[in-house]
């Protein structure tokens, strides 16, 4: 199993990144959070010996380890206050507007991480599907599969 093929698809990944922007914006993730999600996702090709049936899959096994960091990324910036500030784990429910935004984004306590992890997995696989389509439409899928199987 070789990872050399992943470096050969950088151009297609940039194209898919641009095309996928709408999906990210419609999700509960900010662009920064999505970038963090993608650092934890690796891509594999299942069955690369037969490009006709091969499938690009998102390996999302590392996502649970970065989910706590998403909260920190979500709290930073001009509206969220300083990362790690005293309000970073406000469980009193008296946070007003910011608490409402956190709840809407799934950042409030109460099982949101499981939902967000599942959403991240689904988005990552949708990204992999679009990336495979991009490779197929460019006529590069067979050569990528060939390299992945060697």
C-alpha atoms as a PDB file:
ATOM      1  CA  UNK A   1       0.000   0.000   0.000  1.00  0.00           C
ATOM      2  CA  UNK A   2       1.621   3.190  -1.190  1.00  0.00           C
ATOM      3  CA  UNK A   3       0.771   6.766  -0.300  1.00  0.00           C
ATOM      4  CA  UNK A   4       2.648   8.174  -3.311  1.00  0.00           C
ATOM      5  CA  UNK A   5      -0.598   8.512  -5.239  1.00  0.00           C
ATOM      6  CA  UNK A   6      -1.959  11.047  -2.757  1.00  0.00           C
ATOM      7  CA  UNK A   7       0.671  13.590  -3.772  1.00  0.00           C
ATOM      8  CA  UNK A   8      -0.294  13.199  -7.421  1.00  0.00           C
ATOM      9  CA  UNK A   9      -3.857  14.389  -6.852  1.00  0.00           C
ATOM     10  CA  UNK A  10      -3.092  17.801  -5.326  1.00  0.00           C
ATOM     11  CA  UNK A  11      -4.504  19.671  -8.320  1.00  0.00           C
ATOM     12  CA  UNK A  12      -7.756  17.758  -8.237  1.00  0.00           C
ATOM     13  CA  UNK A  13      -8.018  18.304  -4.478  1.00  0.00           C
ATOM     14  CA  UNK A  14      -7.708  22.067  -4.959  1.00  0.00           C
ATOM     15  CA  UNK A  15     -10.488  21.945  -7.556  1.00  0.00           C
ATOM     16  CA  UNK A  16     -12.723  19.893  -5.269  1.00  0.00           C
ATOM     17  CA  UNK A  17     -11.933  22.235  -2.363  1.00  0.00           C
ATOM     18  CA  UNK A  18     -13.370  25.123  -4.387  1.00  0.00           C
ATOM     19  CA  UNK A  19     -16.385  23.105  -5.505  1.00  0.00           C
ATOM     20  CA  UNK A  20     -17.040  21.848  -1.974  1.00  0.00           C
ATOM     21  CA  UNK A  21     -17.216  25.302  -0.384  1.00  0.00           C
ATOM     22  CA  UNK A  22     -21.025  25.392  -0.589  1.00  0.00           C
ATOM     23  CA  UNK A  23     -21.303  22.071   1.248  1.00  0.00           C
ATOM     24  CA  UNK A  24     -19.038  23.341   4.039  1.00  0.00           C
ATOM     25  CA  UNK A  25     -20.987  26.591   4.333  1.00  0.00           C
ATOM     26  CA  UNK A  26     -24.244  24.623   4.615  1.00  0.00           C
ATOM     27  CA  UNK A  27     -22.768  22.471   7.382  1.00  0.00           C
ATOM     28  CA  UNK A  28     -22.264  23.299  11.043  1.00  0.00           C
ATOM     29  CA  UNK A  29     -18.515  23.764  10.439  1.00  0.00           C
ATOM     30  CA  UNK A  30     -16.706  27.010   9.767  1.00  0.00           C
ATOM     31  CA  UNK A  31     -14.043  26.996   7.049  1.00  0.00           C
ATOM     32  CA  UNK A  32     -11.355  26.854   9.748  1.00  0.00           C
ATOM     33  CA  UNK A  33     -13.060  23.928  11.462  1.00  0.00           C
ATOM     34  CA  UNK A  34     -13.430  22.098   8.152  1.00  0.00           C
ATOM     35  CA  UNK A  35      -9.723  22.624   7.502  1.00  0.00           C
ATOM     36  CA  UNK A  36      -8.982  21.000  10.846  1.00  0.00           C
ATOM     37  CA  UNK A  37     -11.327  18.118  10.041  1.00  0.00           C
ATOM     38  CA  UNK A  38      -9.494  17.537   6.765  1.00  0.00           C
ATOM     39  CA  UNK A  39      -6.137  17.333   8.562  1.00  0.00           C
ATOM     40  CA  UNK A  40      -7.493  14.280  10.396  1.00  0.00           C
ATOM     41  CA  UNK A  41      -8.870  12.598   7.272  1.00  0.00           C
ATOM     42  CA  UNK A  42      -6.778  10.301   5.112  1.00  0.00           C
ATOM     43  CA  UNK A  43      -7.851   8.856   1.791  1.00  0.00           C
ATOM     44  CA  UNK A  44      -7.576   5.228   0.749  1.00  0.00           C
ATOM     45  CA  UNK A  45      -8.597   3.411  -2.406  1.00  0.00           C
ATOM     46  CA  UNK A  46     -10.495   0.191  -1.797  1.00  0.00           C
ATOM     47  CA  UNK A  47      -9.849  -2.363  -4.521  1.00  0.00           C
ATOM     48  CA  UNK A  48      -7.333  -0.332  -6.557  1.00  0.00           C
ATOM     49  CA  UNK A  49      -6.527  -3.386  -8.713  1.00  0.00           C
ATOM     50  CA  UNK A  50      -9.781  -2.850 -10.626  1.00  0.00           C
ATOM     51  CA  UNK A  51     -10.434   0.845 -11.401  1.00  0.00           C
ATOM     52  CA  UNK A  52     -13.955  -0.031 -12.584  1.00  0.00           C
ATOM     53  CA  UNK A  53     -14.994  -1.065  -9.075  1.00  0.00           C
ATOM     54  CA  UNK A  54     -12.391   0.775  -6.982  1.00  0.00           C
ATOM     55  CA  UNK A  55     -13.681   3.338  -4.519  1.00  0.00           C
ATOM     56  CA  UNK A  56     -12.015   6.330  -2.902  1.00  0.00           C
ATOM     57  CA  UNK A  57     -12.856   6.263   0.804  1.00  0.00           C
ATOM     58  CA  UNK A  58     -12.282   8.748   3.581  1.00  0.00           C
ATOM     59  CA  UNK A  59     -10.511   7.197   6.570  1.00  0.00           C
ATOM     60  CA  UNK A  60     -12.080   9.155   9.412  1.00  0.00           C
ATOM     61  CA  UNK A  61     -10.733   7.068  12.286  1.00  0.00           C
ATOM     62  CA  UNK A  62      -8.735  10.025  13.651  1.00  0.00           C
ATOM     63  CA  UNK A  63     -11.684  12.435  13.787  1.00  0.00           C
ATOM     64  CA  UNK A  64     -12.634  11.809  17.444  1.00  0.00           C
ATOM     65  CA  UNK A  65      -9.177  12.956  18.532  1.00  0.00           C
ATOM     66  CA  UNK A  66      -9.570  16.408  16.936  1.00  0.00           C
ATOM     67  CA  UNK A  67     -13.180  17.096  17.897  1.00  0.00           C
ATOM     68  CA  UNK A  68     -12.237  18.906  21.144  1.00  0.00           C
ATOM     69  CA  UNK A  69     -10.024  21.224  19.061  1.00  0.00           C
ATOM     70  CA  UNK A  70     -13.021  22.179  16.914  1.00  0.00           C
ATOM     71  CA  UNK A  71     -14.566  23.778  19.983  1.00  0.00           C
ATOM     72  CA  UNK A  72     -11.459  25.904  20.457  1.00  0.00           C
ATOM     73  CA  UNK A  73     -11.409  26.958  16.815  1.00  0.00           C
ATOM     74  CA  UNK A  74     -15.117  27.778  17.087  1.00  0.00           C
ATOM     75  CA  UNK A  75     -14.538  29.997  20.132  1.00  0.00           C
ATOM     76  CA  UNK A  76     -11.717  32.061  18.660  1.00  0.00           C
ATOM     77  CA  UNK A  77     -12.134  35.171  16.596  1.00  0.00           C
ATOM     78  CA  UNK A  78     -13.797  38.529  17.089  1.00  0.00           C
ATOM     79  CA  UNK A  79     -17.240  37.292  18.191  1.00  0.00           C
ATOM     80  CA  UNK A  80     -16.114  34.282  20.176  1.00  0.00           C
ATOM     81  CA  UNK A  81     -13.683  35.966  22.513  1.00  0.00           C
ATOM     82  CA  UNK A  82     -10.186  34.761  23.235  1.00  0.00           C
ATOM     83  CA  UNK A  83      -9.583  31.043  22.890  1.00  0.00           C
ATOM     84  CA  UNK A  84      -9.439  29.371  26.272  1.00  0.00           C
ATOM     85  CA  UNK A  85     -11.027  32.335  28.003  1.00  0.00           C
ATOM     86  CA  UNK A  86     -13.067  32.056  31.170  1.00  0.00           C
ATOM     87  CA  UNK A  87     -16.284  31.628  29.190  1.00  0.00           C
ATOM     88  CA  UNK A  88     -14.982  28.681  27.178  1.00  0.00           C
ATOM     89  CA  UNK A  89     -17.043  26.132  29.150  1.00  0.00           C
ATOM     90  CA  UNK A  90     -19.998  28.212  30.279  1.00  0.00           C
ATOM     91  CA  UNK A  91     -22.526  25.604  31.338  1.00  0.00           C
ATOM     92  CA  UNK A  92     -24.847  28.005  33.110  1.00  0.00           C
ATOM     93  CA  UNK A  93     -26.832  28.671  29.961  1.00  0.00           C
ATOM     94  CA  UNK A  94     -26.663  32.411  30.588  1.00  0.00           C
ATOM     95  CA  UNK A  95     -24.334  33.181  27.689  1.00  0.00           C
ATOM     96  CA  UNK A  96     -26.994  34.919  25.622  1.00  0.00           C
ATOM     97  CA  UNK A  97     -26.293  35.250  21.921  1.00  0.00           C
ATOM     98  CA  UNK A  98     -23.011  33.320  21.993  1.00  0.00           C
ATOM     99  CA  UNK A  99     -24.581  30.369  23.796  1.00  0.00           C
ATOM    100  CA  UNK A 100     -27.336  30.292  21.188  1.00  0.00           C
ATOM    101  CA  UNK A 101     -24.790  30.255  18.391  1.00  0.00           C
ATOM    102  CA  UNK A 102     -22.813  27.488  20.113  1.00  0.00           C
ATOM    103  CA  UNK A 103     -25.967  25.432  20.531  1.00  0.00           C
ATOM    104  CA  UNK A 104     -26.907  25.938  16.879  1.00  0.00           C
ATOM    105  CA  UNK A 105     -23.450  24.813  15.817  1.00  0.00           C
ATOM    106  CA  UNK A 106     -23.524  21.799  18.099  1.00  0.00           C
ATOM    107  CA  UNK A 107     -20.851  23.237  20.359  1.00  0.00           C
ATOM    108  CA  UNK A 108     -23.007  23.261  23.459  1.00  0.00           C
ATOM    109  CA  UNK A 109     -22.612  20.441  25.944  1.00  0.00           C
ATOM    110  CA  UNK A 110     -24.923  17.480  25.671  1.00  0.00           C
ATOM    111  CA  UNK A 111     -23.740  15.012  23.038  1.00  0.00           C
ATOM    112  CA  UNK A 112     -22.972  17.482  20.272  1.00  0.00           C
ATOM    113  CA  UNK A 113     -19.571  15.895  19.619  1.00  0.00           C
ATOM    114  CA  UNK A 114     -21.139  12.616  18.503  1.00  0.00           C
ATOM    115  CA  UNK A 115     -23.424  14.427  16.066  1.00  0.00           C
ATOM    116  CA  UNK A 116     -20.600  16.600  14.785  1.00  0.00           C
ATOM    117  CA  UNK A 117     -18.276  13.621  14.407  1.00  0.00           C
ATOM    118  CA  UNK A 118     -20.931  11.866  12.333  1.00  0.00           C
ATOM    119  CA  UNK A 119     -21.496  15.006  10.265  1.00  0.00           C
ATOM    120  CA  UNK A 120     -17.742  15.321   9.686  1.00  0.00           C
ATOM    121  CA  UNK A 121     -17.560  11.668   8.586  1.00  0.00           C
ATOM    122  CA  UNK A 122     -20.423  12.129   6.142  1.00  0.00           C
ATOM    123  CA  UNK A 123     -18.935  15.326   4.708  1.00  0.00           C
ATOM    124  CA  UNK A 124     -15.493  13.754   4.385  1.00  0.00           C
ATOM    125  CA  UNK A 125     -16.934  10.819   2.437  1.00  0.00           C
ATOM    126  CA  UNK A 126     -18.936  13.200   0.240  1.00  0.00           C
ATOM    127  CA  UNK A 127     -15.662  15.027  -0.423  1.00  0.00           C
ATOM    128  CA  UNK A 128     -13.990  11.706  -1.323  1.00  0.00           C
ATOM    129  CA  UNK A 129     -16.851  10.905  -3.704  1.00  0.00           C
ATOM    130  CA  UNK A 130     -16.462  14.268  -5.448  1.00  0.00           C
ATOM    131  CA  UNK A 131     -12.697  13.817  -5.601  1.00  0.00           C
ATOM    132  CA  UNK A 132     -13.098  10.413  -7.256  1.00  0.00           C
ATOM    133  CA  UNK A 133     -15.538  11.925  -9.767  1.00  0.00           C
ATOM    134  CA  UNK A 134     -13.024  14.682 -10.501  1.00  0.00           C
ATOM    135  CA  UNK A 135     -10.251  12.132 -11.071  1.00  0.00           C
ATOM    136  CA  UNK A 136     -12.509  10.062 -13.326  1.00  0.00           C
ATOM    137  CA  UNK A 137     -13.600  13.081 -15.372  1.00  0.00           C
ATOM    138  CA  UNK A 138      -9.951  14.080 -15.869  1.00  0.00           C
ATOM    139  CA  UNK A 139      -9.052  10.565 -17.004  1.00  0.00           C
ATOM    140  CA  UNK A 140      -6.657  10.128 -14.079  1.00  0.00           C
ATOM    141  CA  UNK A 141      -8.532   7.570 -11.982  1.00  0.00           C
ATOM    142  CA  UNK A 142      -6.962   4.514 -13.629  1.00  0.00           C
ATOM    143  CA  UNK A 143      -3.389   5.784 -13.212  1.00  0.00           C
ATOM    144  CA  UNK A 144      -4.055   6.755  -9.585  1.00  0.00           C
ATOM    145  CA  UNK A 145      -5.478   3.282  -8.900  1.00  0.00           C
ATOM    146  CA  UNK A 146      -2.488   1.699 -10.609  1.00  0.00           C
ATOM    147  CA  UNK A 147      -0.078   3.635  -8.445  1.00  0.00           C
ATOM    148  CA  UNK A 148      -2.090   2.894  -5.286  1.00  0.00           C
ATOM    149  CA  UNK A 149      -2.010  -0.840  -5.966  1.00  0.00           C
ATOM    150  CA  UNK A 150       1.770  -0.983  -6.420  1.00  0.00           C
END
